[in-house]
Amino acid sequence: ISFGGVISFIYADLLVVPLIIIYGKYYGTRA
């Protein structure tokens, strides 16, 4: 993977599937 690809991968730690579900519970589906 490229240098930037590694960095993008690391930055996605707030996008794992359980967290996306939690965002829906916290703020609603649209948000």
PDB file of all heavy atoms in Angstrom:
ATOM      1  N   ILE A   1       0.841  -1.190   0.000  1.00  0.00           N
ATOM      2  CA  ILE A   1       0.000   0.000   0.000  1.00  0.00           C
ATOM      3  C   ILE A   1       0.881   1.247   0.000  1.00  0.00           C
ATOM      4  O   ILE A   1       2.021   1.211   0.494  1.00  0.00           O
ATOM      5  CB  ILE A   1      -0.950   0.003   1.220  1.00  0.00           C
ATOM      6  CG1 ILE A   1      -2.065   1.057   1.043  1.00  0.00           C
ATOM      7  CG2 ILE A   1      -0.194   0.258   2.501  1.00  0.00           C
ATOM      8  CD1 ILE A   1      -3.147   0.995   2.117  1.00  0.00           C
ATOM      9  N   SER A   2       0.387   2.334  -0.556  1.00  0.00           N
ATOM     10  CA  SER A   2       1.169   3.568  -0.632  1.00  0.00           C
ATOM     11  C   SER A   2       1.313   4.220   0.741  1.00  0.00           C
ATOM     12  O   SER A   2       0.586   3.888   1.685  1.00  0.00           O
ATOM     13  CB  SER A   2       0.508   4.558  -1.594  1.00  0.00           C
ATOM     14  OG  SER A   2      -0.728   5.008  -1.064  1.00  0.00           O
ATOM     15  N   PHE A   3       2.235   5.165   0.821  1.00  0.00           N
ATOM     16  CA  PHE A   3       2.454   5.917   2.061  1.00  0.00           C
ATOM     17  C   PHE A   3       1.165   6.616   2.495  1.00  0.00           C
ATOM     18  O   PHE A   3       0.751   6.526   3.651  1.00  0.00           O
ATOM     19  CB  PHE A   3       3.576   6.934   1.838  1.00  0.00           C
ATOM     20  CG  PHE A   3       4.069   7.600   3.081  1.00  0.00           C
ATOM     21  CD1 PHE A   3       4.975   6.977   3.915  1.00  0.00           C
ATOM     22  CD2 PHE A   3       3.641   8.878   3.405  1.00  0.00           C
ATOM     23  CE1 PHE A   3       5.440   7.603   5.066  1.00  0.00           C
ATOM     24  CE2 PHE A   3       4.103   9.521   4.549  1.00  0.00           C
ATOM     25  CZ  PHE A   3       5.005   8.879   5.379  1.00  0.00           C
ATOM     26  N   GLY A   4       0.528   7.311   1.557  1.00  0.00           N
ATOM     27  CA  GLY A   4      -0.733   7.986   1.875  1.00  0.00           C
ATOM     28  C   GLY A   4      -1.843   7.016   2.190  1.00  0.00           C
ATOM     29  O   GLY A   4      -2.734   7.314   2.992  1.00  0.00           O
ATOM     30  N   GLY A   5      -1.821   5.833   1.568  1.00  0.00           N
ATOM     31  CA  GLY A   5      -2.836   4.821   1.865  1.00  0.00           C
ATOM     32  C   GLY A   5      -2.757   4.344   3.301  1.00  0.00           C
ATOM     33  O   GLY A   5      -3.787   4.108   3.950  1.00  0.00           O
ATOM     34  N   VAL A   6      -1.520   4.190   3.822  1.00  0.00           N
ATOM     35  CA  VAL A   6      -1.347   3.810   5.227  1.00  0.00           C
ATOM     36  C   VAL A   6      -1.946   4.879   6.141  1.00  0.00           C
ATOM     37  O   VAL A   6      -2.664   4.572   7.102  1.00  0.00           O
ATOM     38  CB  VAL A   6       0.149   3.614   5.555  1.00  0.00           C
ATOM     39  CG1 VAL A   6       0.352   3.452   7.059  1.00  0.00           C
ATOM     40  CG2 VAL A   6       0.689   2.401   4.834  1.00  0.00           C
ATOM     41  N   ILE A   7      -1.655   6.143   5.851  1.00  0.00           N
ATOM     42  CA  ILE A   7      -2.140   7.239   6.686  1.00  0.00           C
ATOM     43  C   ILE A   7      -3.666   7.299   6.641  1.00  0.00           C
ATOM     44  O   ILE A   7      -4.331   7.471   7.678  1.00  0.00           O
ATOM     45  CB  ILE A   7      -1.516   8.578   6.238  1.00  0.00           C
ATOM     46  CG1 ILE A   7       0.016   8.510   6.340  1.00  0.00           C
ATOM     47  CG2 ILE A   7      -2.050   9.716   7.087  1.00  0.00           C
ATOM     48  CD1 ILE A   7       0.546   8.192   7.716  1.00  0.00           C
ATOM     49  N   SER A   8      -4.250   7.146   5.458  1.00  0.00           N
ATOM     50  CA  SER A   8      -5.709   7.141   5.341  1.00  0.00           C
ATOM     51  C   SER A   8      -6.313   5.994   6.136  1.00  0.00           C
ATOM     52  O   SER A   8      -7.356   6.143   6.780  1.00  0.00           O
ATOM     53  CB  SER A   8      -6.115   7.033   3.864  1.00  0.00           C
ATOM     54  OG  SER A   8      -5.711   8.156   3.129  1.00  0.00           O
ATOM     55  N   PHE A   9      -5.660   4.834   6.094  1.00  0.00           N
ATOM     56  CA  PHE A   9      -6.123   3.680   6.863  1.00  0.00           C
ATOM     57  C   PHE A   9      -6.143   3.989   8.353  1.00  0.00           C
ATOM     58  O   PHE A   9      -7.130   3.714   9.059  1.00  0.00           O
ATOM     59  CB  PHE A   9      -5.222   2.478   6.582  1.00  0.00           C
ATOM     60  CG  PHE A   9      -5.402   1.330   7.529  1.00  0.00           C
ATOM     61  CD1 PHE A   9      -6.433   0.415   7.352  1.00  0.00           C
ATOM     62  CD2 PHE A   9      -4.552   1.162   8.618  1.00  0.00           C
ATOM     63  CE1 PHE A   9      -6.611  -0.642   8.240  1.00  0.00           C
ATOM     64  CE2 PHE A   9      -4.715   0.116   9.498  1.00  0.00           C
ATOM     65  CZ  PHE A   9      -5.749  -0.783   9.310  1.00  0.00           C
ATOM     66  N   ILE A  10      -5.073   4.588   8.858  1.00  0.00           N
ATOM     67  CA  ILE A  10      -4.986   4.888  10.290  1.00  0.00           C
ATOM     68  C   ILE A  10      -6.049   5.908  10.696  1.00  0.00           C
ATOM     69  O   ILE A  10      -6.652   5.798  11.775  1.00  0.00           O
ATOM     70  CB  ILE A  10      -3.574   5.406  10.640  1.00  0.00           C
ATOM     71  CG1 ILE A  10      -2.538   4.299  10.421  1.00  0.00           C
ATOM     72  CG2 ILE A  10      -3.516   5.897  12.084  1.00  0.00           C
ATOM     73  CD1 ILE A  10      -1.101   4.765  10.561  1.00  0.00           C
ATOM     74  N   TYR A  11      -6.310   6.887   9.824  1.00  0.00           N
ATOM     75  CA  TYR A  11      -7.283   7.932  10.151  1.00  0.00           C
ATOM     76  C   TYR A  11      -8.722   7.431  10.174  1.00  0.00           C
ATOM     77  O   TYR A  11      -9.610   8.142  10.653  1.00  0.00           O
ATOM     78  CB  TYR A  11      -7.175   9.083   9.158  1.00  0.00           C
ATOM     79  CG  TYR A  11      -5.925   9.907   9.306  1.00  0.00           C
ATOM     80  CD1 TYR A  11      -5.407  10.611   8.230  1.00  0.00           C
ATOM     81  CD2 TYR A  11      -5.258   9.988  10.525  1.00  0.00           C
ATOM     82  CE1 TYR A  11      -4.257  11.368   8.356  1.00  0.00           C
ATOM     83  CE2 TYR A  11      -4.118  10.742  10.659  1.00  0.00           C
ATOM     84  CZ  TYR A  11      -3.609  11.432   9.580  1.00  0.00           C
ATOM     85  OH  TYR A  11      -2.467  12.183   9.716  1.00  0.00           O
ATOM     86  N   ALA A  12      -8.967   6.246   9.660  1.00  0.00           N
ATOM     87  CA  ALA A  12     -10.339   5.724   9.605  1.00  0.00           C
ATOM     88  C   ALA A  12     -10.736   4.998  10.887  1.00  0.00           C
ATOM     89  O   ALA A  12     -11.697   4.244  10.893  1.00  0.00           O
ATOM     90  CB  ALA A  12     -10.498   4.795   8.403  1.00  0.00           C
ATOM     91  N   ASP A  13     -10.000   5.241  11.985  1.00  0.00           N
ATOM     92  CA  ASP A  13     -10.314   4.540  13.230  1.00  0.00           C
ATOM     93  C   ASP A  13     -11.647   4.968  13.834  1.00  0.00           C
ATOM     94  O   ASP A  13     -12.186   4.297  14.716  1.00  0.00           O
ATOM     95  CB  ASP A  13      -9.195   4.722  14.262  1.00  0.00           C
ATOM     96  CG  ASP A  13      -8.951   6.183  14.607  1.00  0.00           C
ATOM     97  OD1 ASP A  13      -9.468   7.059  13.899  1.00  0.00           O
ATOM     98  OD2 ASP A  13      -8.228   6.447  15.591  1.00  0.00           O
ATOM     99  N   LEU A  14     -12.203   6.088  13.376  1.00  0.00           N
ATOM    100  CA  LEU A  14     -13.523   6.526  13.849  1.00  0.00           C
ATOM    101  C   LEU A  14     -14.637   6.128  12.879  1.00  0.00           C
ATOM    102  O   LEU A  14     -15.752   6.625  12.971  1.00  0.00           O
ATOM    103  CB  LEU A  14     -13.536   8.038  14.052  1.00  0.00           C
ATOM    104  CG  LEU A  14     -12.751   8.555  15.263  1.00  0.00           C
ATOM    105  CD1 LEU A  14     -12.627  10.067  15.218  1.00  0.00           C
ATOM    106  CD2 LEU A  14     -13.405   8.116  16.565  1.00  0.00           C
ATOM    107  N   LEU A  15     -14.324   5.197  11.969  1.00  0.00           N
ATOM    108  CA  LEU A  15     -15.297   4.790  10.961  1.00  0.00           C
ATOM    109  C   LEU A  15     -15.612   3.296  10.988  1.00  0.00           C
ATOM    110  O   LEU A  15     -16.231   2.796  10.048  1.00  0.00           O
ATOM    111  CB  LEU A  15     -14.785   5.165   9.558  1.00  0.00           C
ATOM    112  CG  LEU A  15     -14.960   6.624   9.139  1.00  0.00           C
ATOM    113  CD1 LEU A  15     -14.312   6.855   7.778  1.00  0.00           C
ATOM    114  CD2 LEU A  15     -16.434   6.998   9.088  1.00  0.00           C
ATOM    115  N   VAL A  16     -15.177   2.586  12.020  1.00  0.00           N
ATOM    116  CA  VAL A  16     -15.508   1.168  12.078  1.00  0.00           C
ATOM    117  C   VAL A  16     -17.030   1.005  12.205  1.00  0.00           C
ATOM    118  O   VAL A  16     -17.724   1.889  12.719  1.00  0.00           O
ATOM    119  CB  VAL A  16     -14.785   0.465  13.238  1.00  0.00           C
ATOM    120  CG1 VAL A  16     -13.289   0.460  12.997  1.00  0.00           C
ATOM    121  CG2 VAL A  16     -15.106   1.121  14.576  1.00  0.00           C
ATOM    122  N   VAL A  17     -17.534  -0.126  11.729  1.00  0.00           N
ATOM    123  CA  VAL A  17     -18.985  -0.332  11.624  1.00  0.00           C
ATOM    124  C   VAL A  17     -19.728  -0.104  12.939  1.00  0.00           C
ATOM    125  O   VAL A  17     -20.765   0.583  12.960  1.00  0.00           O
ATOM    126  CB  VAL A  17     -19.269  -1.736  11.054  1.00  0.00           C
ATOM    127  CG1 VAL A  17     -20.770  -2.027  11.083  1.00  0.00           C
ATOM    128  CG2 VAL A  17     -18.744  -1.849   9.628  1.00  0.00           C
ATOM    129  N   PRO A  18     -19.248  -0.638  14.085  1.00  0.00           N
ATOM    130  CA  PRO A  18     -19.993  -0.383  15.338  1.00  0.00           C
ATOM    131  C   PRO A  18     -20.113   1.106  15.666  1.00  0.00           C
ATOM    132  O   PRO A  18     -21.139   1.544  16.190  1.00  0.00           O
ATOM    133  CB  PRO A  18     -19.159  -1.110  16.397  1.00  0.00           C
ATOM    134  CG  PRO A  18     -18.418  -2.162  15.644  1.00  0.00           C
ATOM    135  CD  PRO A  18     -18.109  -1.552  14.310  1.00  0.00           C
ATOM    136  N   LEU A  19     -19.066   1.889  15.337  1.00  0.00           N
ATOM    137  CA  LEU A  19     -19.124   3.322  15.616  1.00  0.00           C
ATOM    138  C   LEU A  19     -20.129   4.029  14.714  1.00  0.00           C
ATOM    139  O   LEU A  19     -20.819   4.953  15.160  1.00  0.00           O
ATOM    140  CB  LEU A  19     -17.743   3.950  15.440  1.00  0.00           C
ATOM    141  CG  LEU A  19     -16.832   3.907  16.669  1.00  0.00           C
ATOM    142  CD1 LEU A  19     -15.462   4.468  16.327  1.00  0.00           C
ATOM    143  CD2 LEU A  19     -17.442   4.672  17.824  1.00  0.00           C
ATOM    144  N   ILE A  20     -20.226   3.614  13.462  1.00  0.00           N
ATOM    145  CA  ILE A  20     -21.212   4.219  12.563  1.00  0.00           C
ATOM    146  C   ILE A  20     -22.623   3.984  13.106  1.00  0.00           C
ATOM    147  O   ILE A  20     -23.486   4.872  13.072  1.00  0.00           O
ATOM    148  CB  ILE A  20     -21.062   3.643  11.143  1.00  0.00           C
ATOM    149  CG1 ILE A  20     -19.714   4.054  10.553  1.00  0.00           C
ATOM    150  CG2 ILE A  20     -22.199   4.122  10.237  1.00  0.00           C
ATOM    151  CD1 ILE A  20     -19.410   3.429   9.210  1.00  0.00           C
ATOM    152  N   ILE A  21     -22.855   2.793  13.645  1.00  0.00           N
ATOM    153  CA  ILE A  21     -24.156   2.486  14.258  1.00  0.00           C
ATOM    154  C   ILE A  21     -24.394   3.367  15.481  1.00  0.00           C
ATOM    155  O   ILE A  21     -25.496   3.890  15.707  1.00  0.00           O
ATOM    156  CB  ILE A  21     -24.227   0.996  14.638  1.00  0.00           C
ATOM    157  CG1 ILE A  21     -24.161   0.132  13.371  1.00  0.00           C
ATOM    158  CG2 ILE A  21     -25.501   0.693  15.429  1.00  0.00           C
ATOM    159  CD1 ILE A  21     -24.042  -1.351  13.653  1.00  0.00           C
ATOM    160  N   ILE A  22     -23.332   3.582  16.268  1.00  0.00           N
ATOM    161  CA  ILE A  22     -23.436   4.437  17.453  1.00  0.00           C
ATOM    162  C   ILE A  22     -23.752   5.873  17.056  1.00  0.00           C
ATOM    163  O   ILE A  22     -24.569   6.552  17.701  1.00  0.00           O
ATOM    164  CB  ILE A  22     -22.135   4.363  18.280  1.00  0.00           C
ATOM    165  CG1 ILE A  22     -22.045   3.008  18.986  1.00  0.00           C
ATOM    166  CG2 ILE A  22     -22.073   5.489  19.309  1.00  0.00           C
ATOM    167  CD1 ILE A  22     -20.727   2.764  19.680  1.00  0.00           C
ATOM    168  N   TYR A  23     -23.121   6.369  15.979  1.00  0.00           N
ATOM    169  CA  TYR A  23     -23.436   7.720  15.506  1.00  0.00           C
ATOM    170  C   TYR A  23     -24.923   7.842  15.192  1.00  0.00           C
ATOM    171  O   TYR A  23     -25.553   8.874  15.480  1.00  0.00           O
ATOM    172  CB  TYR A  23     -22.630   8.058  14.248  1.00  0.00           C
ATOM    173  CG  TYR A  23     -21.136   8.098  14.448  1.00  0.00           C
ATOM    174  CD1 TYR A  23     -20.273   7.722  13.410  1.00  0.00           C
ATOM    175  CD2 TYR A  23     -20.568   8.502  15.649  1.00  0.00           C
ATOM    176  CE1 TYR A  23     -18.905   7.749  13.574  1.00  0.00           C
ATOM    177  CE2 TYR A  23     -19.196   8.524  15.816  1.00  0.00           C
ATOM    178  CZ  TYR A  23     -18.359   8.146  14.782  1.00  0.00           C
ATOM    179  OH  TYR A  23     -17.007   8.176  14.956  1.00  0.00           O
ATOM    180  N   GLY A  24     -25.502   6.788  14.594  1.00  0.00           N
ATOM    181  CA  GLY A  24     -26.936   6.811  14.296  1.00  0.00           C
ATOM    182  C   GLY A  24     -27.772   6.885  15.553  1.00  0.00           C
ATOM    183  O   GLY A  24     -28.784   7.595  15.601  1.00  0.00           O
ATOM    184  N   LYS A  25     -27.359   6.174  16.601  1.00  0.00           N
ATOM    185  CA  LYS A  25     -28.096   6.209  17.867  1.00  0.00           C
ATOM    186  C   LYS A  25     -27.955   7.566  18.547  1.00  0.00           C
ATOM    187  O   LYS A  25     -28.903   8.070  19.155  1.00  0.00           O
ATOM    188  CB  LYS A  25     -27.601   5.100  18.794  1.00  0.00           C
ATOM    189  CG  LYS A  25     -27.955   3.692  18.322  1.00  0.00           C
ATOM    190  CD  LYS A  25     -27.463   2.657  19.316  1.00  0.00           C
ATOM    191  CE  LYS A  25     -27.864   1.255  18.895  1.00  0.00           C
ATOM    192  NZ  LYS A  25     -27.388   0.230  19.855  1.00  0.00           N
ATOM    193  N   TYR A  26     -26.766   8.136  18.474  1.00  0.00           N
ATOM    194  CA  TYR A  26     -26.524   9.422  19.121  1.00  0.00           C
ATOM    195  C   TYR A  26     -27.234  10.571  18.414  1.00  0.00           C
ATOM    196  O   TYR A  26     -27.879  11.416  19.048  1.00  0.00           O
ATOM    197  CB  TYR A  26     -25.030   9.730  19.129  1.00  0.00           C
ATOM    198  CG  TYR A  26     -24.226   9.027  20.193  1.00  0.00           C
ATOM    199  CD1 TYR A  26     -22.839   9.084  20.168  1.00  0.00           C
ATOM    200  CD2 TYR A  26     -24.827   8.308  21.221  1.00  0.00           C
ATOM    201  CE1 TYR A  26     -22.065   8.450  21.131  1.00  0.00           C
ATOM    202  CE2 TYR A  26     -24.076   7.668  22.179  1.00  0.00           C
ATOM    203  CZ  TYR A  26     -22.699   7.737  22.135  1.00  0.00           C
ATOM    204  OH  TYR A  26     -21.942   7.127  23.089  1.00  0.00           O
ATOM    205  N   TYR A  27     -27.089  10.625  17.078  1.00  0.00           N
ATOM    206  CA  TYR A  27     -27.447  11.836  16.347  1.00  0.00           C
ATOM    207  C   TYR A  27     -28.540  11.650  15.295  1.00  0.00           C
ATOM    208  O   TYR A  27     -28.971  12.637  14.691  1.00  0.00           O
ATOM    209  CB  TYR A  27     -26.206  12.407  15.646  1.00  0.00           C
ATOM    210  CG  TYR A  27     -25.015  12.567  16.550  1.00  0.00           C
ATOM    211  CD1 TYR A  27     -23.820  11.894  16.300  1.00  0.00           C
ATOM    212  CD2 TYR A  27     -25.073  13.390  17.673  1.00  0.00           C
ATOM    213  CE1 TYR A  27     -22.719  12.040  17.128  1.00  0.00           C
ATOM    214  CE2 TYR A  27     -23.971  13.541  18.512  1.00  0.00           C
ATOM    215  CZ  TYR A  27     -22.800  12.859  18.230  1.00  0.00           C
ATOM    216  OH  TYR A  27     -21.709  12.999  19.050  1.00  0.00           O
ATOM    217  N   GLY A  28     -28.985  10.424  15.047  1.00  0.00           N
ATOM    218  CA  GLY A  28     -29.968  10.177  14.005  1.00  0.00           C
ATOM    219  C   GLY A  28     -29.317   9.719  12.712  1.00  0.00           C
ATOM    220  O   GLY A  28     -28.117   9.934  12.483  1.00  0.00           O
ATOM    221  N   THR A  29     -30.107   9.097  11.843  1.00  0.00           N
ATOM    222  CA  THR A  29     -29.574   8.493  10.618  1.00  0.00           C
ATOM    223  C   THR A  29     -28.978   9.528   9.671  1.00  0.00           C
ATOM    224  O   THR A  29     -27.905   9.331   9.100  1.00  0.00           O
ATOM    225  CB  THR A  29     -30.684   7.713   9.894  1.00  0.00           C
ATOM    226  OG1 THR A  29     -31.221   6.730  10.792  1.00  0.00           O
ATOM    227  CG2 THR A  29     -30.131   7.014   8.662  1.00  0.00           C
ATOM    228  N   ARG A  30     -29.666  10.649   9.477  1.00  0.00           N
ATOM    229  CA  ARG A  30     -29.165  11.662   8.541  1.00  0.00           C
ATOM    230  C   ARG A  30     -27.809  12.210   8.983  1.00  0.00           C
ATOM    231  O   ARG A  30     -26.859  12.291   8.189  1.00  0.00           O
ATOM    232  CB  ARG A  30     -30.162  12.811   8.415  1.00  0.00           C
ATOM    233  CG  ARG A  30     -31.367  12.510   7.562  1.00  0.00           C
ATOM    234  CD  ARG A  30     -31.977  13.778   7.010  1.00  0.00           C
ATOM    235  NE  ARG A  30     -32.221  14.779   8.052  1.00  0.00           N
ATOM    236  CZ  ARG A  30     -32.518  16.055   7.800  1.00  0.00           C
ATOM    237  NH1 ARG A  30     -32.568  16.484   6.545  1.00  0.00           N
ATOM    238  NH2 ARG A  30     -32.750  16.904   8.781  1.00  0.00           N
ATOM    239  N   ALA A  31     -27.709  12.604  10.247  1.00  0.00           N
ATOM    240  CA  ALA A  31     -26.451  13.152  10.753  1.00  0.00           C
ATOM    241  C   ALA A  31     -25.343  12.099  10.698  1.00  0.00           C
ATOM    242  O   ALA A  31     -24.195  12.409  10.345  1.00  0.00           O
ATOM    243  CB  ALA A  31     -26.633  13.661  12.175  1.00  0.00           C
TER     244      ALA A  31
END
